[in-house]
Amino acid sequence: MKTTVIFSLMKKSKSIILTRFEDEQWCTDGYGAYNISSLPEFEPQQFLTAIGVEESKKDDYKVNFSEAPMAVIKGRDIGYEDKDLDRSKMLIGINGKIYEPFIAFGRVLLLDIRYLKPLEGMEYILLCRHDHRDGSNAIIAKAGFFTMAVIMPRYL
């Protein structure tokens, strides 16, 4: 994965969550979560330095540790179901952002394509992870058996 693109996405957000589970480390801005396990484990201030935040601007950012995203990332809890997504060649522009539409579990999901940029050059598949308990969906990018990214879609 392209860590510089991940860092650029995280830098645009002022609120970042780092999460660790077993041997994996992830970062998320609430819309896209990325597996950064190949990098050293970060403390919040180290992560801000890694993504290029100037020392004088670090107080503008909020970086926390939380285990909450791991339930969606791992999908191990009862109530999650994964479904393959077929890619289309269609893109939709809304309010200056570009989305790729998918239909899954009876809903139209819009994936902000900026969150796929860290995966460019990789072979991966997209799945929709549906939570039957609350009806929410997440788009999962997998390379082989490894989850590389989790992206929260918009809905139509």
N, C-alpha and C. Protein backbone atom coordinates (compact mmCIF):
# COMPACT_ATOMS: atom_id res chain seq x y z
N MET A 1 0.83 -1.17 0.00
CA MET A 1 0.00 0.00 0.00
C MET A 1 0.88 1.24 0.00
N LYS A 2 0.29 2.30 -0.46
CA LYS A 2 1.01 3.57 -0.55
C LYS A 2 0.82 4.36 0.75
N THR A 3 1.82 4.24 1.62
CA THR A 3 1.69 4.89 2.93
C THR A 3 1.67 6.41 2.81
N THR A 4 2.33 6.99 1.81
CA THR A 4 2.30 8.44 1.67
C THR A 4 0.89 8.93 1.36
N VAL A 5 0.12 8.14 0.60
CA VAL A 5 -1.27 8.51 0.30
C VAL A 5 -2.13 8.36 1.56
N ILE A 6 -1.90 7.28 2.31
CA ILE A 6 -2.63 7.10 3.58
C ILE A 6 -2.35 8.28 4.50
N PHE A 7 -1.07 8.64 4.63
CA PHE A 7 -0.70 9.75 5.51
C PHE A 7 -1.33 11.06 5.05
N SER A 8 -1.41 11.27 3.75
CA SER A 8 -2.03 12.48 3.21
C SER A 8 -3.52 12.53 3.58
N LEU A 9 -4.22 11.39 3.46
CA LEU A 9 -5.63 11.34 3.84
C LEU A 9 -5.81 11.62 5.33
N MET A 10 -4.95 11.03 6.15
CA MET A 10 -5.06 11.23 7.60
C MET A 10 -4.73 12.67 7.99
N LYS A 11 -3.78 13.26 7.29
CA LYS A 11 -3.37 14.64 7.61
C LYS A 11 -4.51 15.62 7.35
N LYS A 12 -5.36 15.32 6.37
CA LYS A 12 -6.49 16.21 6.07
C LYS A 12 -7.54 16.17 7.17
N SER A 13 -7.55 15.11 7.94
CA SER A 13 -8.50 14.98 9.04
C SER A 13 -7.85 15.51 10.31
N LYS A 14 -8.61 16.16 11.12
CA LYS A 14 -8.06 16.68 12.38
C LYS A 14 -8.30 15.70 13.52
N SER A 15 -9.02 14.61 13.24
CA SER A 15 -9.32 13.61 14.26
C SER A 15 -8.95 12.23 13.72
N ILE A 16 -8.00 11.57 14.36
CA ILE A 16 -7.45 10.31 13.88
C ILE A 16 -7.50 9.29 15.01
N ILE A 17 -7.82 8.06 14.67
CA ILE A 17 -7.82 6.98 15.65
C ILE A 17 -6.77 5.96 15.23
N LEU A 18 -5.92 5.57 16.17
CA LEU A 18 -4.99 4.46 15.98
C LEU A 18 -5.56 3.28 16.75
N THR A 19 -5.48 2.10 16.18
CA THR A 19 -5.99 0.92 16.85
C THR A 19 -5.03 -0.24 16.61
N ARG A 20 -4.92 -1.08 17.61
CA ARG A 20 -4.05 -2.26 17.51
C ARG A 20 -4.84 -3.48 17.95
N PHE A 21 -4.62 -4.58 17.26
CA PHE A 21 -5.27 -5.83 17.60
C PHE A 21 -4.33 -6.94 17.19
N GLU A 22 -3.97 -7.79 18.16
CA GLU A 22 -2.99 -8.84 17.93
C GLU A 22 -1.75 -8.22 17.30
N ASP A 23 -1.37 -8.62 16.10
CA ASP A 23 -0.16 -8.08 15.47
C ASP A 23 -0.46 -6.99 14.45
N GLU A 24 -1.67 -6.47 14.45
CA GLU A 24 -2.04 -5.48 13.44
C GLU A 24 -2.17 -4.08 14.05
N GLN A 25 -1.80 -3.10 13.24
CA GLN A 25 -1.94 -1.70 13.60
C GLN A 25 -2.71 -1.01 12.48
N TRP A 26 -3.71 -0.22 12.84
CA TRP A 26 -4.55 0.46 11.87
C TRP A 26 -4.66 1.93 12.22
N CYS A 27 -4.91 2.76 11.21
CA CYS A 27 -5.22 4.17 11.43
C CYS A 27 -6.49 4.48 10.66
N THR A 28 -7.31 5.36 11.22
CA THR A 28 -8.57 5.73 10.59
C THR A 28 -8.91 7.18 10.87
N ASP A 29 -9.61 7.77 9.91
CA ASP A 29 -10.17 9.11 10.10
C ASP A 29 -11.68 9.04 10.26
N GLY A 30 -12.21 7.84 10.41
CA GLY A 30 -13.65 7.64 10.55
C GLY A 30 -14.33 7.28 9.25
N TYR A 31 -13.67 7.56 8.12
CA TYR A 31 -14.23 7.22 6.81
C TYR A 31 -13.44 6.10 6.15
N GLY A 32 -12.14 6.09 6.33
CA GLY A 32 -11.29 5.06 5.78
C GLY A 32 -10.32 4.58 6.86
N ALA A 33 -10.18 3.26 6.98
CA ALA A 33 -9.23 2.67 7.93
C ALA A 33 -8.22 1.85 7.13
N TYR A 34 -6.96 1.97 7.50
CA TYR A 34 -5.89 1.32 6.74
C TYR A 34 -4.98 0.50 7.63
N ASN A 35 -4.61 -0.67 7.12
CA ASN A 35 -3.69 -1.54 7.81
C ASN A 35 -2.27 -1.00 7.62
N ILE A 36 -1.69 -0.53 8.71
CA ILE A 36 -0.32 0.00 8.65
C ILE A 36 0.61 -0.85 9.51
N SER A 37 0.34 -2.16 9.51
CA SER A 37 1.10 -3.09 10.34
C SER A 37 2.56 -3.21 9.92
N SER A 38 2.86 -2.86 8.68
CA SER A 38 4.24 -2.96 8.20
C SER A 38 5.12 -1.83 8.76
N LEU A 39 4.50 -0.85 9.39
CA LEU A 39 5.23 0.28 9.96
C LEU A 39 5.46 0.06 11.45
N PRO A 40 6.41 0.78 12.05
CA PRO A 40 6.60 0.65 13.50
C PRO A 40 5.35 1.09 14.24
N GLU A 41 5.16 0.59 15.46
CA GLU A 41 4.01 1.03 16.26
C GLU A 41 4.19 2.49 16.62
N PHE A 42 3.11 3.26 16.45
CA PHE A 42 3.16 4.69 16.68
C PHE A 42 2.47 5.07 17.99
N GLU A 43 3.02 6.05 18.65
CA GLU A 43 2.33 6.79 19.69
C GLU A 43 1.72 8.00 18.98
N PRO A 44 0.70 8.64 19.58
CA PRO A 44 0.02 9.74 18.88
C PRO A 44 0.96 10.83 18.33
N GLN A 45 1.87 11.32 19.13
CA GLN A 45 2.75 12.39 18.65
C GLN A 45 3.68 11.90 17.54
N GLN A 46 4.11 10.65 17.63
CA GLN A 46 4.95 10.08 16.58
C GLN A 46 4.18 9.97 15.27
N PHE A 47 2.91 9.61 15.37
CA PHE A 47 2.08 9.48 14.17
C PHE A 47 1.92 10.83 13.49
N LEU A 48 1.69 11.87 14.28
CA LEU A 48 1.56 13.21 13.70
C LEU A 48 2.85 13.64 13.00
N THR A 49 3.99 13.30 13.58
CA THR A 49 5.27 13.59 12.94
C THR A 49 5.40 12.80 11.63
N ALA A 50 5.00 11.53 11.65
CA ALA A 50 5.10 10.67 10.46
C ALA A 50 4.25 11.18 9.31
N ILE A 51 3.07 11.74 9.61
CA ILE A 51 2.21 12.22 8.54
C ILE A 51 2.56 13.65 8.11
N GLY A 52 3.55 14.23 8.75
CA GLY A 52 4.06 15.53 8.30
C GLY A 52 3.41 16.74 8.93
N VAL A 53 2.83 16.58 10.13
CA VAL A 53 2.23 17.73 10.81
C VAL A 53 3.35 18.52 11.50
N GLU A 54 3.38 19.82 11.23
CA GLU A 54 4.39 20.68 11.84
C GLU A 54 4.18 20.73 13.35
N GLU A 55 5.27 20.88 14.08
CA GLU A 55 5.22 20.92 15.54
C GLU A 55 4.24 21.98 16.04
N SER A 56 4.23 23.13 15.41
CA SER A 56 3.36 24.23 15.85
C SER A 56 1.87 23.96 15.61
N LYS A 57 1.55 22.98 14.77
CA LYS A 57 0.15 22.69 14.44
C LYS A 57 -0.36 21.40 15.08
N LYS A 58 0.48 20.71 15.84
CA LYS A 58 0.07 19.43 16.43
C LYS A 58 -1.10 19.57 17.40
N ASP A 59 -1.24 20.73 18.04
CA ASP A 59 -2.34 20.93 18.97
C ASP A 59 -3.69 21.00 18.25
N ASP A 60 -3.68 21.22 16.94
CA ASP A 60 -4.91 21.27 16.15
C ASP A 60 -5.47 19.89 15.86
N TYR A 61 -4.67 18.85 16.11
CA TYR A 61 -5.04 17.48 15.79
C TYR A 61 -5.38 16.71 17.06
N LYS A 62 -6.27 15.74 16.89
CA LYS A 62 -6.65 14.86 17.98
C LYS A 62 -6.35 13.43 17.53
N VAL A 63 -5.44 12.76 18.23
CA VAL A 63 -5.09 11.37 17.90
C VAL A 63 -5.33 10.54 19.15
N ASN A 64 -6.17 9.52 19.02
CA ASN A 64 -6.50 8.65 20.15
C ASN A 64 -6.28 7.20 19.79
N PHE A 65 -6.18 6.37 20.82
CA PHE A 65 -6.21 4.92 20.65
C PHE A 65 -7.61 4.44 20.98
N SER A 66 -8.14 3.52 20.18
CA SER A 66 -9.44 2.94 20.45
C SER A 66 -9.51 1.55 19.83
N GLU A 67 -10.16 0.64 20.52
CA GLU A 67 -10.36 -0.70 19.97
C GLU A 67 -11.67 -0.80 19.19
N ALA A 68 -12.50 0.22 19.25
CA ALA A 68 -13.83 0.18 18.63
C ALA A 68 -13.81 -0.19 17.15
N PRO A 69 -12.91 0.37 16.32
CA PRO A 69 -12.97 0.02 14.89
C PRO A 69 -12.67 -1.44 14.58
N MET A 70 -12.05 -2.16 15.51
CA MET A 70 -11.62 -3.52 15.19
C MET A 70 -12.79 -4.48 14.96
N ALA A 71 -13.95 -4.24 15.55
CA ALA A 71 -15.09 -5.12 15.31
C ALA A 71 -15.49 -5.10 13.84
N VAL A 72 -15.54 -3.91 13.25
CA VAL A 72 -15.89 -3.80 11.83
C VAL A 72 -14.74 -4.32 10.96
N ILE A 73 -13.51 -3.98 11.32
CA ILE A 73 -12.35 -4.38 10.52
C ILE A 73 -12.25 -5.90 10.46
N LYS A 74 -12.37 -6.56 11.59
CA LYS A 74 -12.22 -8.00 11.64
C LYS A 74 -13.49 -8.75 11.27
N GLY A 75 -14.66 -8.15 11.51
CA GLY A 75 -15.91 -8.80 11.18
C GLY A 75 -16.12 -10.12 11.87
N ARG A 76 -15.52 -10.27 13.04
CA ARG A 76 -15.60 -11.55 13.74
C ARG A 76 -16.84 -11.66 14.62
N ASP A 77 -17.46 -10.55 14.93
CA ASP A 77 -18.64 -10.59 15.79
C ASP A 77 -19.79 -11.25 15.05
N ILE A 78 -20.67 -11.86 15.80
CA ILE A 78 -21.88 -12.44 15.22
C ILE A 78 -22.73 -11.30 14.66
N GLY A 79 -23.25 -11.50 13.49
CA GLY A 79 -24.11 -10.49 12.89
C GLY A 79 -23.54 -9.85 11.65
N TYR A 80 -22.27 -10.11 11.32
CA TYR A 80 -21.66 -9.55 10.12
C TYR A 80 -21.76 -10.55 8.98
N GLU A 81 -22.01 -10.04 7.78
CA GLU A 81 -22.04 -10.87 6.58
C GLU A 81 -21.29 -10.13 5.48
N ASP A 82 -20.40 -10.82 4.77
CA ASP A 82 -19.65 -10.23 3.67
C ASP A 82 -20.23 -10.67 2.34
N LYS A 83 -20.24 -9.74 1.39
CA LYS A 83 -20.75 -10.04 0.05
C LYS A 83 -19.80 -9.41 -0.97
N ASP A 84 -19.42 -10.20 -2.01
CA ASP A 84 -18.57 -9.67 -3.07
C ASP A 84 -19.26 -8.50 -3.77
N LEU A 85 -18.48 -7.51 -4.15
CA LEU A 85 -18.99 -6.37 -4.91
C LEU A 85 -18.43 -6.41 -6.31
N ASP A 86 -19.29 -6.20 -7.29
CA ASP A 86 -18.84 -6.11 -8.67
C ASP A 86 -18.52 -4.65 -8.96
N ARG A 87 -17.34 -4.42 -9.54
CA ARG A 87 -16.92 -3.06 -9.89
C ARG A 87 -17.63 -2.62 -11.16
N SER A 88 -18.02 -1.38 -11.18
CA SER A 88 -18.62 -0.82 -12.39
C SER A 88 -17.63 0.19 -12.97
N LYS A 89 -17.89 0.62 -14.15
CA LYS A 89 -17.04 1.64 -14.77
C LYS A 89 -17.65 3.02 -14.59
N MET A 90 -18.75 3.07 -13.86
CA MET A 90 -19.46 4.33 -13.67
C MET A 90 -18.97 5.04 -12.41
N LEU A 91 -18.83 6.35 -12.52
CA LEU A 91 -18.50 7.20 -11.38
C LEU A 91 -19.53 8.31 -11.31
N ILE A 92 -19.79 8.79 -10.11
CA ILE A 92 -20.77 9.84 -9.90
C ILE A 92 -20.09 11.00 -9.18
N GLY A 93 -20.29 12.21 -9.67
CA GLY A 93 -19.76 13.40 -9.01
C GLY A 93 -20.85 14.08 -8.19
N ILE A 94 -20.58 14.29 -6.91
CA ILE A 94 -21.52 14.97 -6.02
C ILE A 94 -20.74 15.95 -5.16
N ASN A 95 -21.13 17.22 -5.23
CA ASN A 95 -20.50 18.26 -4.41
C ASN A 95 -18.98 18.25 -4.51
N GLY A 96 -18.46 18.07 -5.70
CA GLY A 96 -17.01 18.13 -5.92
C GLY A 96 -16.25 16.86 -5.55
N LYS A 97 -16.95 15.82 -5.11
CA LYS A 97 -16.29 14.54 -4.81
C LYS A 97 -16.75 13.50 -5.82
N ILE A 98 -15.89 12.52 -6.06
CA ILE A 98 -16.19 11.47 -7.02
C ILE A 98 -16.42 10.15 -6.27
N TYR A 99 -17.56 9.51 -6.59
CA TYR A 99 -17.96 8.28 -5.93
C TYR A 99 -18.14 7.16 -6.94
N GLU A 100 -17.87 5.93 -6.50
CA GLU A 100 -18.19 4.74 -7.28
C GLU A 100 -19.41 4.10 -6.62
N PRO A 101 -20.50 3.89 -7.38
CA PRO A 101 -21.71 3.31 -6.78
C PRO A 101 -21.68 1.78 -6.77
N PHE A 102 -22.28 1.21 -5.73
CA PHE A 102 -22.46 -0.23 -5.59
C PHE A 102 -23.86 -0.48 -5.06
N ILE A 103 -24.42 -1.63 -5.40
CA ILE A 103 -25.67 -2.05 -4.81
C ILE A 103 -25.38 -3.29 -3.97
N ALA A 104 -25.74 -3.20 -2.69
CA ALA A 104 -25.51 -4.33 -1.79
C ALA A 104 -26.54 -4.29 -0.67
N PHE A 105 -27.06 -5.45 -0.34
CA PHE A 105 -28.02 -5.59 0.75
C PHE A 105 -29.18 -4.61 0.62
N GLY A 106 -29.64 -4.42 -0.64
CA GLY A 106 -30.81 -3.60 -0.90
C GLY A 106 -30.59 -2.10 -0.82
N ARG A 107 -29.35 -1.66 -0.81
CA ARG A 107 -29.06 -0.23 -0.74
C ARG A 107 -28.04 0.15 -1.80
N VAL A 108 -28.07 1.42 -2.20
CA VAL A 108 -27.04 1.95 -3.08
C VAL A 108 -25.98 2.58 -2.19
N LEU A 109 -24.76 2.08 -2.32
CA LEU A 109 -23.64 2.57 -1.54
C LEU A 109 -22.74 3.39 -2.44
N LEU A 110 -22.26 4.51 -1.96
CA LEU A 110 -21.34 5.35 -2.71
C LEU A 110 -19.99 5.34 -2.02
N LEU A 111 -18.97 4.91 -2.76
CA LEU A 111 -17.62 4.83 -2.24
C LEU A 111 -16.81 6.02 -2.74
N ASP A 112 -16.32 6.85 -1.84
CA ASP A 112 -15.47 7.99 -2.19
C ASP A 112 -14.15 7.42 -2.70
N ILE A 113 -13.86 7.62 -3.98
CA ILE A 113 -12.70 6.96 -4.60
C ILE A 113 -11.36 7.44 -4.05
N ARG A 114 -11.33 8.57 -3.35
CA ARG A 114 -10.07 9.01 -2.72
C ARG A 114 -9.54 7.94 -1.77
N TYR A 115 -10.47 7.22 -1.14
CA TYR A 115 -10.07 6.23 -0.14
C TYR A 115 -9.56 4.93 -0.76
N LEU A 116 -9.64 4.80 -2.09
CA LEU A 116 -9.04 3.66 -2.78
C LEU A 116 -7.62 3.96 -3.27
N LYS A 117 -7.24 5.22 -3.30
CA LYS A 117 -5.93 5.60 -3.83
C LYS A 117 -4.75 4.91 -3.14
N PRO A 118 -4.79 4.66 -1.81
CA PRO A 118 -3.66 3.94 -1.21
C PRO A 118 -3.49 2.52 -1.73
N LEU A 119 -4.52 1.97 -2.38
CA LEU A 119 -4.48 0.59 -2.88
C LEU A 119 -4.04 0.50 -4.34
N GLU A 120 -3.84 1.63 -5.01
CA GLU A 120 -3.47 1.61 -6.42
C GLU A 120 -2.19 0.80 -6.63
N GLY A 121 -2.21 -0.02 -7.67
CA GLY A 121 -1.06 -0.87 -7.97
C GLY A 121 -1.12 -2.22 -7.29
N MET A 122 -2.11 -2.43 -6.43
CA MET A 122 -2.27 -3.71 -5.74
C MET A 122 -3.41 -4.49 -6.38
N GLU A 123 -3.35 -5.80 -6.24
CA GLU A 123 -4.48 -6.64 -6.61
C GLU A 123 -5.33 -6.81 -5.36
N TYR A 124 -6.61 -6.43 -5.45
CA TYR A 124 -7.49 -6.56 -4.29
C TYR A 124 -8.92 -6.75 -4.77
N ILE A 125 -9.74 -7.24 -3.87
CA ILE A 125 -11.17 -7.37 -4.15
C ILE A 125 -11.91 -6.50 -3.14
N LEU A 126 -13.12 -6.09 -3.52
CA LEU A 126 -13.97 -5.32 -2.62
C LEU A 126 -15.14 -6.17 -2.16
N LEU A 127 -15.42 -6.10 -0.88
CA LEU A 127 -16.55 -6.78 -0.27
C LEU A 127 -17.38 -5.76 0.48
N CYS A 128 -18.66 -6.04 0.62
CA CYS A 128 -19.51 -5.23 1.48
C CYS A 128 -19.69 -6.03 2.77
N ARG A 129 -19.34 -5.43 3.89
CA ARG A 129 -19.55 -6.06 5.20
C ARG A 129 -20.80 -5.43 5.81
N HIS A 130 -21.83 -6.25 5.94
CA HIS A 130 -23.12 -5.78 6.44
C HIS A 130 -23.32 -6.25 7.87
N ASP A 131 -23.74 -5.33 8.72
CA ASP A 131 -24.05 -5.64 10.11
C ASP A 131 -25.56 -5.79 10.22
N HIS A 132 -26.03 -7.01 10.41
CA HIS A 132 -27.46 -7.26 10.49
C HIS A 132 -28.10 -6.66 11.73
N ARG A 133 -27.29 -6.35 12.74
CA ARG A 133 -27.85 -5.79 13.98
C ARG A 133 -28.34 -4.37 13.79
N ASP A 134 -27.55 -3.54 13.08
CA ASP A 134 -27.96 -2.13 12.93
C ASP A 134 -28.14 -1.70 11.47
N GLY A 135 -27.91 -2.62 10.52
CA GLY A 135 -28.11 -2.31 9.11
C GLY A 135 -26.98 -1.52 8.46
N SER A 136 -25.90 -1.28 9.19
CA SER A 136 -24.79 -0.51 8.63
C SER A 136 -23.95 -1.37 7.68
N ASN A 137 -23.22 -0.70 6.81
CA ASN A 137 -22.36 -1.36 5.83
C ASN A 137 -20.98 -0.73 5.85
N ALA A 138 -19.98 -1.52 5.51
CA ALA A 138 -18.62 -1.03 5.31
C ALA A 138 -18.08 -1.74 4.08
N ILE A 139 -17.23 -1.06 3.34
CA ILE A 139 -16.61 -1.67 2.16
C ILE A 139 -15.21 -2.10 2.55
N ILE A 140 -14.93 -3.36 2.32
CA ILE A 140 -13.68 -3.99 2.73
C ILE A 140 -12.82 -4.24 1.50
N ALA A 141 -11.56 -3.85 1.54
CA ALA A 141 -10.61 -4.17 0.47
C ALA A 141 -9.69 -5.26 0.99
N LYS A 142 -9.68 -6.40 0.30
CA LYS A 142 -8.85 -7.53 0.71
C LYS A 142 -7.85 -7.89 -0.37
N ALA A 143 -6.65 -8.16 0.06
CA ALA A 143 -5.59 -8.69 -0.81
C ALA A 143 -5.33 -10.10 -0.30
N GLY A 144 -5.81 -11.09 -1.03
CA GLY A 144 -5.73 -12.46 -0.54
C GLY A 144 -6.61 -12.60 0.69
N PHE A 145 -6.03 -13.12 1.77
CA PHE A 145 -6.79 -13.28 3.01
C PHE A 145 -6.67 -12.07 3.93
N PHE A 146 -5.89 -11.06 3.53
CA PHE A 146 -5.59 -9.94 4.40
C PHE A 146 -6.50 -8.75 4.11
N THR A 147 -7.11 -8.22 5.15
CA THR A 147 -7.89 -6.99 5.02
C THR A 147 -6.91 -5.83 5.02
N MET A 148 -6.97 -5.04 3.96
CA MET A 148 -6.02 -3.92 3.81
C MET A 148 -6.67 -2.58 4.14
N ALA A 149 -7.97 -2.46 3.87
CA ALA A 149 -8.66 -1.20 4.11
C ALA A 149 -10.14 -1.46 4.38
N VAL A 150 -10.72 -0.57 5.16
CA VAL A 150 -12.15 -0.57 5.44
C VAL A 150 -12.63 0.85 5.18
N ILE A 151 -13.60 0.99 4.29
CA ILE A 151 -14.07 2.33 3.89
C ILE A 151 -15.56 2.42 4.18
N MET A 152 -15.94 3.48 4.83
CA MET A 152 -17.35 3.70 5.15
C MET A 152 -18.02 4.39 3.96
N PRO A 153 -19.07 3.80 3.41
CA PRO A 153 -19.73 4.39 2.25
C PRO A 153 -20.75 5.46 2.65
N ARG A 154 -21.14 6.24 1.66
CA ARG A 154 -22.29 7.13 1.79
C ARG A 154 -23.48 6.36 1.21
N TYR A 155 -24.67 6.77 1.53
CA TYR A 155 -25.87 6.08 1.05
C TYR A 155 -26.70 6.99 0.18
N LEU A 156 -27.39 6.40 -0.78
CA LEU A 156 -28.38 7.11 -1.59
C LEU A 156 -29.75 6.73 -1.09
